[in-house]
Protein backbone atom coordinates (compact mmCIF):
# COMPACT_ATOMS: atom_id res chain seq x y z
CA MET A 1 0.03 0.16 0.29
CA LYS A 2 1.35 3.34 -0.50
CA ILE A 3 0.69 5.95 1.48
CA ILE A 4 0.41 9.49 -0.65
CA LYS A 5 1.92 12.48 1.95
CA ARG A 6 -0.71 15.91 1.62
CA GLU A 7 0.98 18.92 1.30
CA ARG A 8 -0.69 20.87 3.44
CA GLY A 9 -0.25 25.31 3.77
CA PHE A 10 -0.18 27.36 6.98
CA THR A 11 -2.45 26.62 9.62
CA LEU A 12 -5.01 28.72 11.02
CA PHE A 13 -3.34 28.98 14.26
CA GLU A 14 -0.33 30.02 12.15
CA LEU A 15 -1.47 32.65 10.63
CA LEU A 16 -3.73 34.33 13.57
CA VAL A 17 0.02 34.81 15.84
CA SER A 18 1.72 36.12 12.41
CA ILE A 19 -0.75 38.26 11.78
CA SER A 20 -1.06 39.50 15.82
CA ILE A 21 2.56 39.87 15.97
CA ILE A 22 2.48 41.75 12.99
CA GLY A 23 -0.38 44.60 14.80
CA ILE A 24 1.32 44.71 17.40
CA LEU A 25 4.65 45.92 15.43
CA VAL A 26 3.30 48.05 14.30
CA ALA A 27 1.57 49.53 16.90
CA LEU A 28 4.69 50.25 18.36
CA ALA A 29 6.11 51.28 15.41
CA SER A 30 2.96 54.22 15.13
CA VAL A 31 3.61 55.07 19.53
CA SER A 32 6.98 55.85 17.99
CA TYR A 33 6.67 58.18 15.29
CA SER A 34 4.19 60.14 16.94
CA ALA A 35 6.41 60.84 19.99
CA ALA A 36 8.78 61.75 17.65
CA GLN A 37 5.88 64.25 15.33
CA ARG A 38 5.65 65.69 19.29
CA LYS A 39 8.73 66.30 19.84
CA ALA A 40 9.63 67.93 16.26
CA ARG A 41 7.19 70.51 16.59
CA ASP A 42 7.91 71.39 20.04
CA ALA A 43 11.56 72.01 18.79
CA ARG A 44 9.98 74.32 16.17
CA ARG A 45 8.16 75.59 18.64
CA ILE A 46 11.24 76.98 20.80
CA GLN A 47 13.29 77.61 17.84
CA ASP A 48 9.89 79.67 16.48
CA MET A 49 10.59 81.33 20.10
CA LYS A 50 13.52 82.37 19.84
CA SER A 51 13.17 83.59 17.03
CA ILE A 52 10.82 86.08 17.53
CA GLN A 53 12.60 87.21 20.16
CA ASN A 54 15.63 87.96 18.30
CA GLU A 55 13.41 90.14 15.68
CA ALA A 56 11.77 91.52 18.71
CA GLU A 57 15.74 92.96 18.97
CA GLN A 58 16.36 93.59 15.75
CA TYR A 59 13.07 96.08 16.38
CA TYR A 60 13.77 98.09 19.17
CA SER A 61 16.89 98.78 18.21
CA ILE A 62 15.87 100.26 15.38
CA SER A 63 12.83 101.93 16.42
CA SER A 64 14.67 103.75 18.45
CA TYR A 65 13.82 101.43 22.03
CA ALA A 66 10.47 100.38 21.26
CA TYR A 67 8.40 96.47 20.68
CA PRO A 68 5.93 96.11 18.48
CA LEU A 69 3.16 95.80 19.51
CA SER A 70 1.51 93.64 17.75
CA TYR A 71 2.76 90.02 17.50
CA SER A 72 1.35 88.82 14.70
CA GLY A 73 1.78 89.10 9.95
CA THR A 74 4.54 91.35 8.76
CA TRP A 75 6.63 93.43 11.27
CA THR A 76 8.55 96.80 9.19
CA VAL A 77 9.86 99.70 11.51
CA GLY A 78 11.98 102.56 9.76
CA GLY A 79 10.91 101.34 6.24
CA GLN A 80 12.92 97.63 6.95
CA THR A 81 11.35 94.74 7.04
CA VAL A 82 12.33 92.90 10.18
CA LEU A 83 9.48 89.80 9.79
CA GLU A 84 8.86 88.84 6.60
CA GLN A 85 5.88 86.75 8.74
CA TYR A 86 5.08 85.71 11.99
CA PRO A 87 5.54 81.86 12.69
CA ALA A 88 2.54 79.48 11.91
CA ASP A 89 2.36 76.75 15.23
CA PRO A 90 3.75 73.82 12.83
CA LYS A 91 0.11 72.31 14.11
CA PRO A 92 -2.61 73.00 12.27
CA ASP A 93 -5.32 72.58 15.02
CA TRP A 94 -3.37 74.00 17.93
CA THR A 95 -3.21 77.35 19.16
CA ALA A 96 0.10 78.05 20.60
CA TYR A 97 1.34 81.39 20.31
CA SER A 98 0.51 83.51 22.91
CA ALA A 99 1.78 87.37 23.77
CA THR A 100 1.51 89.10 26.82
CA ASN A 101 2.51 91.74 29.26
CA VAL A 102 2.56 93.58 25.77
CA SER A 103 3.92 97.39 25.81
CA THR A 104 6.67 99.52 23.69
CA SER A 105 8.83 99.21 26.92
CA THR A 106 8.04 94.81 27.20
CA TYR A 107 6.56 92.46 25.46
CA CYS A 108 6.34 88.24 27.04
CA VAL A 109 5.68 85.97 23.70
CA CYS A 110 4.46 82.07 24.79
CA ALA A 111 3.97 78.78 22.94
CA ARG A 112 1.85 75.79 24.10
CA MET A 113 4.18 72.35 23.77
CA GLU A 114 2.91 69.51 23.01
CA ASN A 115 4.62 67.51 26.02
CA THR A 116 3.95 69.39 28.86
CA THR A 117 7.93 68.89 30.63
CA GLY A 118 8.96 70.79 27.64
CA GLY A 119 8.84 73.96 28.57
CA ASN A 120 10.12 77.06 30.52
CA SER A 121 6.98 78.07 32.25
CA SER A 122 3.71 77.16 34.23
CA SER A 123 1.76 79.51 31.97
CA ASN A 124 2.04 81.58 29.42
CA ALA A 125 2.13 84.89 31.45
CA CYS A 126 5.73 84.63 31.95
CA ALA A 127 6.08 83.02 34.89
CA PHE A 128 9.30 81.40 34.65
CA VAL A 129 9.93 77.89 36.19
CA SER A 130 12.12 74.77 35.54
CA THR A 131 9.93 72.55 33.59
CA GLY A 132 6.25 73.83 32.41
CA ALA A 133 4.21 73.28 29.44
CA TYR A 134 5.19 77.03 27.83
CA TYR A 135 7.90 78.11 26.21
CA CYS A 136 8.60 81.71 27.16
CA VAL A 137 10.23 84.02 25.88
CA LYS A 138 10.23 87.83 27.03
CA ASN A 139 12.16 91.29 26.54
CA GLN A 140 16.25 91.06 27.13
CA GLN A 141 16.31 94.97 27.11
């Protein structure tokens, strides 16, 4: 009598295990990717705040010692454009940038961070602490 060996494919259990492992790996990768995106957007916010501070100080020196009163749009003083366009937040539905204590002699501009311990202020009122949910800059003069 001849025994016929039948070749078979994967079992249902083997397929389910493989699909589960792939699902777990995809979930881990997406979490890591989301965290990296948040860190990148926060780094951009810090860069924007430092840029605003530099441009405000330049405006101050050109304008006979007065800071801009509007923290939006374009800053032009003495026929010279100091800031082409006020930066927009990197996340479209996230309202992060705010200006407080604005006058010709002082300002404070803050960005709300996605990482709540990545900033240097606990509020957008420029209460500087070691960490917080906001990154703020203020006048240097």
